[in-house]
Amino acid sequence: MKKYILSIDQGTTSTRAILVNAKGEAVYKAQRPLDIFFPKPGWVEVEPDRVWISVIDVINELMVVANTTMDEVAAIGITNQRETTVIWDKKTGKAVANGIVWQSKQTQELCDERESKMEFIQSKTGLRMNPYFSASKIRYLLDEIPDGQKRAEKGELLFGTIDSWLIYKMTRGKSHFTDVSNASRTMLYDIFEMKWSKELCDIWNIPMRMLPEVKDNSCDYGEASFFPGGVHIYGVAGDQQAALFGQCCFHKGDSKNTYGTGCFMLMNIGEKPILSRQGLLTTVAWREGGITTYALEGSVFIGGAIVQWLRDQTRWFEDSSDSEYYANKCKDTAGVYFVPAFVGLGTPWWDDEVRGAIFGLTRGSDRHHITRAALASVAYQSKDVIEAMKEEAGLDLKALRVDGGASANGLLMQFQSDILQCPVHLPACLETTALGAAYLAGLGCGFWKDKKDIERNHSIQKKYTPKMNKAKADFLYEGWLEAVAAARCFKPKTLPEDKK
């Protein structure tokens, strides 16, 4: 009997490979950092070939670290940074341009040109008009690639999010697939009809023949013939949906928040989608056996990335984990608020023009207060999302399941519980994104029998409960809302070219 599921977790700034055993334990891991590029302010790009090479590297390292071979692997699961867009040549399998990362704002003008279509787009996709999603990125690349539109119309170019790109490379070009969760983030997929929409493609003038075939999350995506062993890919999901699955949020109302580069909260809303009026997104969580489960989602663009910014730009500390140490050097922020709107604000504001700001500085303010305010900003932004979600779904939050790198920060998790006034549950296995992909793959190949089999693996390592009284929590949150309002009032100005 096979021992493991191999889970590939391809993220914004790193790629990981993890071997998961039948108990749902991440027993071996390998990781590689991934370079991303910033050609202009607000632009974020990645080299697709480097993404693929990083996957090869981590799988090879994992086999060495685990002292095993692909013969011990029952199936492969893939989870990925969503919306990041790659276009490649069908014949050669080579990417024809840099991929545009989900964070990038370089397609804002294309979105602005189609602002009148926003209501129609939301009615089909559950998404808001925003450069965050893949459609405008595809349009931008087709305009930039020589003869891009003609080549796409002839079927010479293929589009994929990172999952599709990796599936194509791993199967040596035999499979051009994506799953429903990734498809639902392109702004081209009708989440009610559960198919690519010609009407949506026409809005962006995107040839439908370049789109991948959409499949259920747990099914056969083809043999990963690039690697030995004849192992098939049996599970695929976008990172946030994979984390929802990995946290065993199988029931309506179950919610999780992932603290990664950004923060993403998802709530399972069952088999009937709800179109949001509060700035939330409606997305496909997963589809099994043709039955679709939907989720409400709120997105925070800058979550753990604020700690990376402090580490790399201010150089106040060398390791991200040191942020908790510095923040604990002071008992509170002394009235300092940090609005980390480096690439705008996500849910519920969806303001692409606002930029980062720090408020409440005095002569007594120092790096400890600012670091603590930066961590607090992650909790405040998450509360923004949760408040919108509670109002939209008409549900109280009984407990928040958390994961992602920043969930290891005890100060942040305690403050999150305080500001939400509800428990925060940290799972025993923090690799919930990779675990979700592994579970989906394992269900697809029969490694696990059903979801009940999976739920037996789920355990909590720590529970945070509120230590702050509600009056104080409300007071601090009101200050945050005032800081956001002030930041949104300021619009950055740049000199015209003739005056520079």
Foldseek 3Di string as FASTA:
>chain_A
DAFWEWFWEAEDFKIKIFTAGLLLDRPFMFMDTADWDDPDQQFIWGALVSSLVRRVVRVVVRCVVVVHFCQNHQAYFYAYAAQFKFKDFLVPLHTQDITTHLRGQPLVVVLVVCQVCQVVLCQFQLDGSGSSHNLSRLLVVLVVGVVSLVCQQVLRMAMDTSVQSNLCVQQVNPFREAEQQRVSRRSQAGPVVGGGDPVSCVSSVGDPSRHGHYDFQAAWRHFSVVGPNRHTHGGYHYLVLLLCVLLVLVDAQAKAWEQAQKIKIKGWHAQDWDRAPFQWGKGWSGADPNGTIIIIMWIFNGGLVLLVCCCPVVVPDPDSLCLLVLLVVDPALQLKAKQQQSQHGGPPPPGRQFHIDIDDDDPPGDPNSVSNNNLVNNLLSVVSVVVSVCVRSVDQRQEYEYAYDCVVRPVSQLSSQQLSQHKYFYKPDRPSSSSSSSVSHCCNSVSDVDSVSVVVSTGTDDMHGHPHDNVVSVVVSVSNVVVVVVRSVDGDDDDPPVVD
